[in-house]
C-alpha cells in the first residue's frame, strides 16, 4: 500500500502499545499506523515537518502535534521498553558518538530549560550532541542518553550501566575509571576495558573479547543512516532523542 513503511508483522508487535487507536462512533479515532509511518518517513529522510507528503500521511500539523504529545507522555520510551525486553547479556558494550547539529537547532529554547533542555555544546568535532549508548551481544540497544557535544564519555556511564548484569562489559580506555570497574564487578560482570596510559598498574583485559566492541560501533553506524539523527535539527533534546528511540525500536523489530 502506498505510504506504508512498517511491515505487517512489525505493526502487529507495535499496535498494542500505540495509544489513540480505540474505536469511536465513526471508526478508529486516529490511524496509529499511518502516524508511525509518517514519523519513520521523517526520520529516514531528514525532511522538515512541512515537507511531509499530505497525500500519504495526512496534514503535517496533525502528525507534528501528535509527535510532541507522545514525547511529553513518554510513549516512545514505553514502546522501547516493551519491545527490548530480552537483550543478550553475554556481554554489553558502552560508548559514545558525536552528532553534528544544524544551525536551526541552536537558540530559541531558553524559556524551556536552556542548555540542559537542548543538550548541545561544542567539542573538537564542532557544535553538536553526544549520544551515549549501551548495546547487547547482538548489537541491539539496551540503554541510551544524550548530552552536549563536549560531555565526558564517563559522565553518564555508571548510571547507564546500573542494574545491568552482564557477563562482560566492553568499553574503550575512555571508560577506564575505578567507579565503573567497581560497579561492573559488583554486578557480577568482568570489565573488558584497556587501561589508561597514565595508570601505574596496567591491569590485564581480555583482548580477544574486546574485539566484540563491533556491536556498539555497528549501532552508531545504523543510527546515522537515519538522516534526522545523523544531523540534528530539533531544538529540544527531548524531541531529538525521540527519533533515537524510534530508530532503536525499529532495530529491535528488524
C-alpha atoms as a PDB file:
ATOM      1  CA  UNK A   1       0.000   0.000   0.000  1.00  0.00           C
ATOM      2  CA  UNK A   2       1.253   3.496  -0.865  1.00  0.00           C
ATOM      3  CA  UNK A   3       2.679   5.257   2.179  1.00  0.00           C
ATOM      4  CA  UNK A   4       3.384   2.042   4.050  1.00  0.00           C
ATOM      5  CA  UNK A   5       6.803   1.724   5.681  1.00  0.00           C
ATOM      6  CA  UNK A   6       6.047  -0.658   8.520  1.00  0.00           C
ATOM      7  CA  UNK A   7       5.662  -4.312   7.584  1.00  0.00           C
ATOM      8  CA  UNK A   8       2.531  -6.096   8.809  1.00  0.00           C
ATOM      9  CA  UNK A   9       4.475  -8.193  11.320  1.00  0.00           C
ATOM     10  CA  UNK A  10       6.170  -5.089  12.733  1.00  0.00           C
ATOM     11  CA  UNK A  11       2.852  -3.310  13.156  1.00  0.00           C
ATOM     12  CA  UNK A  12       1.359  -6.340  14.912  1.00  0.00           C
ATOM     13  CA  UNK A  13       4.098  -6.108  17.541  1.00  0.00           C
ATOM     14  CA  UNK A  14       3.602  -2.355  17.931  1.00  0.00           C
ATOM     15  CA  UNK A  15      -0.134  -1.835  17.750  1.00  0.00           C
ATOM     16  CA  UNK A  16      -0.997  -2.756  21.352  1.00  0.00           C
ATOM     17  CA  UNK A  17       1.404  -0.091  22.635  1.00  0.00           C
ATOM     18  CA  UNK A  18       0.193   2.683  20.317  1.00  0.00           C
ATOM     19  CA  UNK A  19      -2.322   4.999  22.053  1.00  0.00           C
ATOM     20  CA  UNK A  20      -5.265   6.661  20.326  1.00  0.00           C
ATOM     21  CA  UNK A  21      -6.463   3.787  18.149  1.00  0.00           C
ATOM     22  CA  UNK A  22      -9.639   2.908  20.039  1.00  0.00           C
ATOM     23  CA  UNK A  23     -12.879   2.593  18.086  1.00  0.00           C
ATOM     24  CA  UNK A  24     -15.224   5.573  18.047  1.00  0.00           C
ATOM     25  CA  UNK A  25     -18.685   6.041  16.568  1.00  0.00           C
ATOM     26  CA  UNK A  26     -17.214   6.947  13.191  1.00  0.00           C
ATOM     27  CA  UNK A  27     -14.411   4.410  13.209  1.00  0.00           C
ATOM     28  CA  UNK A  28     -10.919   4.474  14.767  1.00  0.00           C
ATOM     29  CA  UNK A  29     -10.230   7.807  16.484  1.00  0.00           C
ATOM     30  CA  UNK A  30      -6.816   8.012  14.853  1.00  0.00           C
ATOM     31  CA  UNK A  31      -4.734   5.970  12.452  1.00  0.00           C
ATOM     32  CA  UNK A  32      -1.751   4.892  14.557  1.00  0.00           C
ATOM     33  CA  UNK A  33      -0.090   3.014  11.737  1.00  0.00           C
ATOM     34  CA  UNK A  34      -0.230   5.960   9.357  1.00  0.00           C
ATOM     35  CA  UNK A  35       1.231   8.220  12.060  1.00  0.00           C
ATOM     36  CA  UNK A  36       4.042   5.747  12.760  1.00  0.00           C
ATOM     37  CA  UNK A  37       4.776   5.569   9.045  1.00  0.00           C
ATOM     38  CA  UNK A  38       4.840   9.372   8.919  1.00  0.00           C
ATOM     39  CA  UNK A  39       7.477   9.779  11.617  1.00  0.00           C
ATOM     40  CA  UNK A  40       9.507   6.921  10.143  1.00  0.00           C
ATOM     41  CA  UNK A  41       9.479   8.769   6.821  1.00  0.00           C
ATOM     42  CA  UNK A  42      10.656  11.950   8.569  1.00  0.00           C
ATOM     43  CA  UNK A  43      13.378  10.118  10.475  1.00  0.00           C
ATOM     44  CA  UNK A  44      14.691   8.416   7.348  1.00  0.00           C
ATOM     45  CA  UNK A  45      14.528  11.430   5.043  1.00  0.00           C
ATOM     46  CA  UNK A  46      15.610  14.143   7.481  1.00  0.00           C
ATOM     47  CA  UNK A  47      12.935  16.372   5.963  1.00  0.00           C
ATOM     48  CA  UNK A  48      11.116  19.250   7.653  1.00  0.00           C
ATOM     49  CA  UNK A  49       7.669  18.619   9.130  1.00  0.00           C
ATOM     50  CA  UNK A  50       6.068  20.797   6.437  1.00  0.00           C
ATOM     51  CA  UNK A  51       7.591  18.525   3.754  1.00  0.00           C
ATOM     52  CA  UNK A  52       5.636  15.500   4.990  1.00  0.00           C
ATOM     53  CA  UNK A  53       3.581  14.288   1.969  1.00  0.00           C
ATOM     54  CA  UNK A  54      -0.028  15.054   2.884  1.00  0.00           C
ATOM     55  CA  UNK A  55      -1.472  12.620   0.346  1.00  0.00           C
ATOM     56  CA  UNK A  56       0.340   9.738   2.075  1.00  0.00           C
ATOM     57  CA  UNK A  57       0.379  10.757   5.732  1.00  0.00           C
ATOM     58  CA  UNK A  58      -2.220  13.468   6.235  1.00  0.00           C
ATOM     59  CA  UNK A  59      -1.676  17.077   7.402  1.00  0.00           C
ATOM     60  CA  UNK A  60       1.802  17.599   8.798  1.00  0.00           C
ATOM     61  CA  UNK A  61       0.397  19.757  11.629  1.00  0.00           C
ATOM     62  CA  UNK A  62      -1.571  16.772  12.938  1.00  0.00           C
ATOM     63  CA  UNK A  63       1.465  14.471  12.872  1.00  0.00           C
ATOM     64  CA  UNK A  64       3.670  17.135  14.470  1.00  0.00           C
ATOM     65  CA  UNK A  65       1.268  17.771  17.352  1.00  0.00           C
ATOM     66  CA  UNK A  66       0.872  14.046  17.981  1.00  0.00           C
ATOM     67  CA  UNK A  67       4.635  13.521  17.982  1.00  0.00           C
ATOM     68  CA  UNK A  68       5.084  16.217  20.622  1.00  0.00           C
ATOM     69  CA  UNK A  69       2.260  14.709  22.723  1.00  0.00           C
ATOM     70  CA  UNK A  70       3.957  11.320  22.565  1.00  0.00           C
ATOM     71  CA  UNK A  71       7.232  12.889  23.701  1.00  0.00           C
ATOM     72  CA  UNK A  72       5.546  14.535  26.686  1.00  0.00           C
ATOM     73  CA  UNK A  73       3.704  11.340  27.597  1.00  0.00           C
ATOM     74  CA  UNK A  74       6.782   9.098  27.288  1.00  0.00           C
ATOM     75  CA  UNK A  75       5.137   6.858  24.670  1.00  0.00           C
ATOM     76  CA  UNK A  76       8.343   6.089  22.749  1.00  0.00           C
ATOM     77  CA  UNK A  77      10.090   5.151  25.990  1.00  0.00           C
ATOM     78  CA  UNK A  78       7.307   2.711  26.925  1.00  0.00           C
ATOM     79  CA  UNK A  79       7.292   1.149  23.458  1.00  0.00           C
ATOM     80  CA  UNK A  80      11.074   0.707  23.516  1.00  0.00           C
ATOM     81  CA  UNK A  81      10.978  -0.938  26.963  1.00  0.00           C
ATOM     82  CA  UNK A  82       8.218  -3.284  25.800  1.00  0.00           C
ATOM     83  CA  UNK A  83       9.986  -4.277  22.575  1.00  0.00           C
ATOM     84  CA  UNK A  84      13.547  -4.548  24.000  1.00  0.00           C
ATOM     85  CA  UNK A  85      12.658  -6.876  26.866  1.00  0.00           C
ATOM     86  CA  UNK A  86      15.123  -9.708  26.309  1.00  0.00           C
ATOM     87  CA  UNK A  87      18.635  -8.443  25.476  1.00  0.00           C
ATOM     88  CA  UNK A  88      21.500 -10.908  25.061  1.00  0.00           C
ATOM     89  CA  UNK A  89      23.502 -10.282  28.244  1.00  0.00           C
ATOM     90  CA  UNK A  90      26.533 -12.421  27.365  1.00  0.00           C
ATOM     91  CA  UNK A  91      28.283  -9.099  27.024  1.00  0.00           C
ATOM     92  CA  UNK A  92      27.419  -5.429  26.832  1.00  0.00           C
ATOM     93  CA  UNK A  93      29.336  -2.633  25.143  1.00  0.00           C
ATOM     94  CA  UNK A  94      29.222   1.058  26.048  1.00  0.00           C
ATOM     95  CA  UNK A  95      30.468   4.021  24.024  1.00  0.00           C
ATOM     96  CA  UNK A  96      29.545   7.490  22.757  1.00  0.00           C
ATOM     97  CA  UNK A  97      29.441   9.338  19.448  1.00  0.00           C
ATOM     98  CA  UNK A  98      29.016  12.994  18.491  1.00  0.00           C
ATOM     99  CA  UNK A  99      26.227  14.178  16.202  1.00  0.00           C
ATOM    100  CA  UNK A 100      26.612  17.478  14.381  1.00  0.00           C
ATOM    101  CA  UNK A 101      23.797  19.951  14.985  1.00  0.00           C
ATOM    102  CA  UNK A 102      22.277  22.048  12.229  1.00  0.00           C
ATOM    103  CA  UNK A 103      22.242  25.818  12.790  1.00  0.00           C
ATOM    104  CA  UNK A 104      18.466  25.761  13.292  1.00  0.00           C
ATOM    105  CA  UNK A 105      18.861  23.539  16.375  1.00  0.00           C
ATOM    106  CA  UNK A 106      20.575  26.338  18.287  1.00  0.00           C
ATOM    107  CA  UNK A 107      18.780  29.037  20.272  1.00  0.00           C
ATOM    108  CA  UNK A 108      15.121  29.582  20.977  1.00  0.00           C
ATOM    109  CA  UNK A 109      14.896  27.150  23.910  1.00  0.00           C
ATOM    110  CA  UNK A 110      15.970  29.356  26.826  1.00  0.00           C
ATOM    111  CA  UNK A 111      12.457  29.640  28.160  1.00  0.00           C
ATOM    112  CA  UNK A 112      12.110  25.847  28.129  1.00  0.00           C
ATOM    113  CA  UNK A 113      15.147  24.949  30.201  1.00  0.00           C
ATOM    114  CA  UNK A 114      18.102  26.500  28.393  1.00  0.00           C
ATOM    115  CA  UNK A 115      21.215  24.475  27.610  1.00  0.00           C
ATOM    116  CA  UNK A 116      20.136  21.461  29.684  1.00  0.00           C
ATOM    117  CA  UNK A 117      16.901  21.184  27.680  1.00  0.00           C
ATOM    118  CA  UNK A 118      18.894  21.350  24.448  1.00  0.00           C
ATOM    119  CA  UNK A 119      21.891  19.056  25.207  1.00  0.00           C
ATOM    120  CA  UNK A 120      24.079  21.000  22.780  1.00  0.00           C
ATOM    121  CA  UNK A 121      27.714  22.030  23.103  1.00  0.00           C
ATOM    122  CA  UNK A 122      30.990  22.491  21.306  1.00  0.00           C
ATOM    123  CA  UNK A 123      33.644  19.798  21.027  1.00  0.00           C
ATOM    124  CA  UNK A 124      36.568  19.253  18.687  1.00  0.00           C
ATOM    125  CA  UNK A 125      34.049  17.833  16.222  1.00  0.00           C
ATOM    126  CA  UNK A 126      32.084  21.099  16.210  1.00  0.00           C
ATOM    127  CA  UNK A 127      28.709  22.130  17.603  1.00  0.00           C
ATOM    128  CA  UNK A 128      26.559  19.137  18.433  1.00  0.00           C
ATOM    129  CA  UNK A 129      25.192  16.469  20.741  1.00  0.00           C
ATOM    130  CA  UNK A 130      26.813  13.364  22.165  1.00  0.00           C
ATOM    131  CA  UNK A 131      24.869  10.087  22.130  1.00  0.00           C
ATOM    132  CA  UNK A 132      25.828   7.663  24.907  1.00  0.00           C
ATOM    133  CA  UNK A 133      24.640   4.083  24.438  1.00  0.00           C
ATOM    134  CA  UNK A 134      24.820   0.522  25.741  1.00  0.00           C
ATOM    135  CA  UNK A 135      24.218  -2.401  23.368  1.00  0.00           C
ATOM    136  CA  UNK A 136      23.892  -6.141  23.958  1.00  0.00           C
ATOM    137  CA  UNK A 137      25.844  -9.019  22.458  1.00  0.00           C
ATOM    138  CA  UNK A 138      23.789  -8.788  19.252  1.00  0.00           C
ATOM    139  CA  UNK A 139      24.490  -5.080  18.852  1.00  0.00           C
ATOM    140  CA  UNK A 140      20.941  -4.119  19.841  1.00  0.00           C
ATOM    141  CA  UNK A 141      20.408  -1.023  22.017  1.00  0.00           C
ATOM    142  CA  UNK A 142      19.674  -1.553  25.700  1.00  0.00           C
ATOM    143  CA  UNK A 143      20.012   1.984  27.064  1.00  0.00           C
ATOM    144  CA  UNK A 144      20.970   5.377  25.679  1.00  0.00           C
ATOM    145  CA  UNK A 145      21.107   9.030  26.634  1.00  0.00           C
ATOM    146  CA  UNK A 146      22.290  12.308  25.142  1.00  0.00           C
ATOM    147  CA  UNK A 147      24.357  15.236  26.362  1.00  0.00           C
ATOM    148  CA  UNK A 148      26.222  18.248  24.999  1.00  0.00           C
ATOM    149  CA  UNK A 149      28.971  17.548  22.482  1.00  0.00           C
ATOM    150  CA  UNK A 150      31.799  18.323  24.920  1.00  0.00           C
ATOM    151  CA  UNK A 151      30.473  15.992  27.643  1.00  0.00           C
ATOM    152  CA  UNK A 152      32.950  13.463  29.024  1.00  0.00           C
ATOM    153  CA  UNK A 153      32.159   9.895  27.963  1.00  0.00           C
ATOM    154  CA  UNK A 154      32.261   8.743  31.587  1.00  0.00           C
ATOM    155  CA  UNK A 155      29.693  11.291  32.815  1.00  0.00           C
ATOM    156  CA  UNK A 156      26.586   9.062  32.367  1.00  0.00           C
ATOM    157  CA  UNK A 157      28.394   5.703  32.233  1.00  0.00           C
ATOM    158  CA  UNK A 158      27.666   4.409  35.741  1.00  0.00           C
ATOM    159  CA  UNK A 159      24.033   5.490  35.518  1.00  0.00           C
ATOM    160  CA  UNK A 160      23.604   3.731  32.159  1.00  0.00           C
ATOM    161  CA  UNK A 161      25.237   0.529  33.442  1.00  0.00           C
ATOM    162  CA  UNK A 162      23.498   0.437  36.823  1.00  0.00           C
ATOM    163  CA  UNK A 163      21.333  -2.673  37.188  1.00  0.00           C
ATOM    164  CA  UNK A 164      22.624  -4.358  34.019  1.00  0.00           C
ATOM    165  CA  UNK A 165      24.067  -7.750  34.938  1.00  0.00           C
ATOM    166  CA  UNK A 166      26.168  -8.890  32.003  1.00  0.00           C
ATOM    167  CA  UNK A 167      28.946 -11.490  31.948  1.00  0.00           C
ATOM    168  CA  UNK A 168      31.322  -8.957  30.397  1.00  0.00           C
ATOM    169  CA  UNK A 169      31.230  -5.201  29.791  1.00  0.00           C
ATOM    170  CA  UNK A 170      33.275  -3.837  26.891  1.00  0.00           C
ATOM    171  CA  UNK A 171      34.474  -0.242  26.604  1.00  0.00           C
ATOM    172  CA  UNK A 172      37.456   1.709  25.297  1.00  0.00           C
ATOM    173  CA  UNK A 173      40.044   3.298  27.580  1.00  0.00           C
ATOM    174  CA  UNK A 174      37.985   6.480  27.966  1.00  0.00           C
ATOM    175  CA  UNK A 175      35.900   4.399  30.396  1.00  0.00           C
ATOM    176  CA  UNK A 176      38.855   3.215  32.478  1.00  0.00           C
ATOM    177  CA  UNK A 177      37.660   4.608  35.803  1.00  0.00           C
ATOM    178  CA  UNK A 178      37.572   2.907  39.207  1.00  0.00           C
ATOM    179  CA  UNK A 179      33.899   3.816  39.677  1.00  0.00           C
ATOM    180  CA  UNK A 180      32.829   1.924  36.552  1.00  0.00           C
ATOM    181  CA  UNK A 181      35.176  -1.005  37.223  1.00  0.00           C
ATOM    182  CA  UNK A 182      33.749  -1.379  40.730  1.00  0.00           C
ATOM    183  CA  UNK A 183      30.149  -1.191  39.532  1.00  0.00           C
ATOM    184  CA  UNK A 184      30.683  -3.877  36.891  1.00  0.00           C
ATOM    185  CA  UNK A 185      32.359  -6.181  39.407  1.00  0.00           C
ATOM    186  CA  UNK A 186      29.629  -5.585  41.996  1.00  0.00           C
ATOM    187  CA  UNK A 187      27.043  -6.595  39.395  1.00  0.00           C
ATOM    188  CA  UNK A 188      28.866  -9.869  38.714  1.00  0.00           C
ATOM    189  CA  UNK A 189      30.477  -8.881  35.433  1.00  0.00           C
ATOM    190  CA  UNK A 190      34.014  -8.665  34.081  1.00  0.00           C
ATOM    191  CA  UNK A 191      35.231  -5.265  32.836  1.00  0.00           C
ATOM    192  CA  UNK A 192      36.908  -5.537  29.421  1.00  0.00           C
ATOM    193  CA  UNK A 193      38.479  -2.078  29.353  1.00  0.00           C
ATOM    194  CA  UNK A 194      42.033  -1.201  28.270  1.00  0.00           C
ATOM    195  CA  UNK A 195      43.930   0.715  30.985  1.00  0.00           C
ATOM    196  CA  UNK A 196      44.717   4.392  30.567  1.00  0.00           C
ATOM    197  CA  UNK A 197      48.372   5.012  29.800  1.00  0.00           C
ATOM    198  CA  UNK A 198      48.942   7.063  32.961  1.00  0.00           C
ATOM    199  CA  UNK A 199      47.860   4.240  35.305  1.00  0.00           C
ATOM    200  CA  UNK A 200      50.676   2.929  37.479  1.00  0.00           C
ATOM    201  CA  UNK A 201      49.135  -0.530  37.424  1.00  0.00           C
ATOM    202  CA  UNK A 202      48.388  -1.591  33.844  1.00  0.00           C
ATOM    203  CA  UNK A 203      45.668  -4.149  34.537  1.00  0.00           C
ATOM    204  CA  UNK A 204      45.066  -7.110  32.243  1.00  0.00           C
ATOM    205  CA  UNK A 205      41.995  -7.243  29.997  1.00  0.00           C
ATOM    206  CA  UNK A 206      40.757  -9.885  27.589  1.00  0.00           C
ATOM    207  CA  UNK A 207      41.942  -8.577  24.216  1.00  0.00           C
ATOM    208  CA  UNK A 208      40.054 -11.247  22.271  1.00  0.00           C
ATOM    209  CA  UNK A 209      36.771 -10.416  23.983  1.00  0.00           C
ATOM    210  CA  UNK A 210      37.475  -6.717  23.416  1.00  0.00           C
ATOM    211  CA  UNK A 211      37.090  -7.243  19.666  1.00  0.00           C
ATOM    212  CA  UNK A 212      33.363  -7.712  20.265  1.00  0.00           C
ATOM    213  CA  UNK A 213      33.042  -3.934  20.515  1.00  0.00           C
ATOM    214  CA  UNK A 214      31.908  -4.123  16.890  1.00  0.00           C
ATOM    215  CA  UNK A 215      28.364  -4.168  18.304  1.00  0.00           C
ATOM    216  CA  UNK A 216      28.382  -0.603  19.610  1.00  0.00           C
ATOM    217  CA  UNK A 217      30.161   0.719  16.514  1.00  0.00           C
ATOM    218  CA  UNK A 218      27.572  -1.010  14.345  1.00  0.00           C
ATOM    219  CA  UNK A 219      24.725   0.509  16.355  1.00  0.00           C
ATOM    220  CA  UNK A 220      26.045   4.031  15.853  1.00  0.00           C
ATOM    221  CA  UNK A 221      26.562   3.369  12.146  1.00  0.00           C
ATOM    222  CA  UNK A 222      22.954   2.200  11.803  1.00  0.00           C
ATOM    223  CA  UNK A 223      21.662   5.198  13.757  1.00  0.00           C
ATOM    224  CA  UNK A 224      23.442   7.554  11.392  1.00  0.00           C
ATOM    225  CA  UNK A 225      21.657   6.010   8.426  1.00  0.00           C
ATOM    226  CA  UNK A 226      18.602   7.889   9.738  1.00  0.00           C
ATOM    227  CA  UNK A 227      19.136  11.408   8.397  1.00  0.00           C
ATOM    228  CA  UNK A 228      17.075  13.036  11.137  1.00  0.00           C
ATOM    229  CA  UNK A 229      19.627  11.598  13.601  1.00  0.00           C
ATOM    230  CA  UNK A 230      22.807  11.956  11.531  1.00  0.00           C
ATOM    231  CA  UNK A 231      22.185  15.715  11.569  1.00  0.00           C
ATOM    232  CA  UNK A 232      20.304  17.194  14.493  1.00  0.00           C
ATOM    233  CA  UNK A 233      17.612  19.733  13.555  1.00  0.00           C
ATOM    234  CA  UNK A 234      15.491  19.668  16.723  1.00  0.00           C
ATOM    235  CA  UNK A 235      15.974  22.466  19.240  1.00  0.00           C
ATOM    236  CA  UNK A 236      14.959  20.434  22.297  1.00  0.00           C
ATOM    237  CA  UNK A 237      16.804  17.335  23.459  1.00  0.00           C
ATOM    238  CA  UNK A 238      13.542  15.502  24.206  1.00  0.00           C
ATOM    239  CA  UNK A 239      12.390  15.858  20.594  1.00  0.00           C
ATOM    240  CA  UNK A 240      15.747  14.721  19.212  1.00  0.00           C
ATOM    241  CA  UNK A 241      16.034  11.679  21.463  1.00  0.00           C
ATOM    242  CA  UNK A 242      12.504  10.733  20.403  1.00  0.00           C
ATOM    243  CA  UNK A 243      13.868   9.943  16.948  1.00  0.00           C
ATOM    244  CA  UNK A 244      16.733   7.955  18.504  1.00  0.00           C
ATOM    245  CA  UNK A 245      14.165   5.891  20.421  1.00  0.00           C
ATOM    246  CA  UNK A 246      12.166   5.408  17.226  1.00  0.00           C
ATOM    247  CA  UNK A 247      15.207   4.168  15.293  1.00  0.00           C
ATOM    248  CA  UNK A 248      16.187   1.901  18.209  1.00  0.00           C
ATOM    249  CA  UNK A 249      12.681   0.392  18.283  1.00  0.00           C
ATOM    250  CA  UNK A 250      12.950  -0.366  14.569  1.00  0.00           C
ATOM    251  CA  UNK A 251      16.334  -2.076  15.053  1.00  0.00           C
ATOM    252  CA  UNK A 252      14.674  -4.452  17.513  1.00  0.00           C
ATOM    253  CA  UNK A 253      11.802  -5.069  15.108  1.00  0.00           C
ATOM    254  CA  UNK A 254      14.045  -5.719  12.106  1.00  0.00           C
END
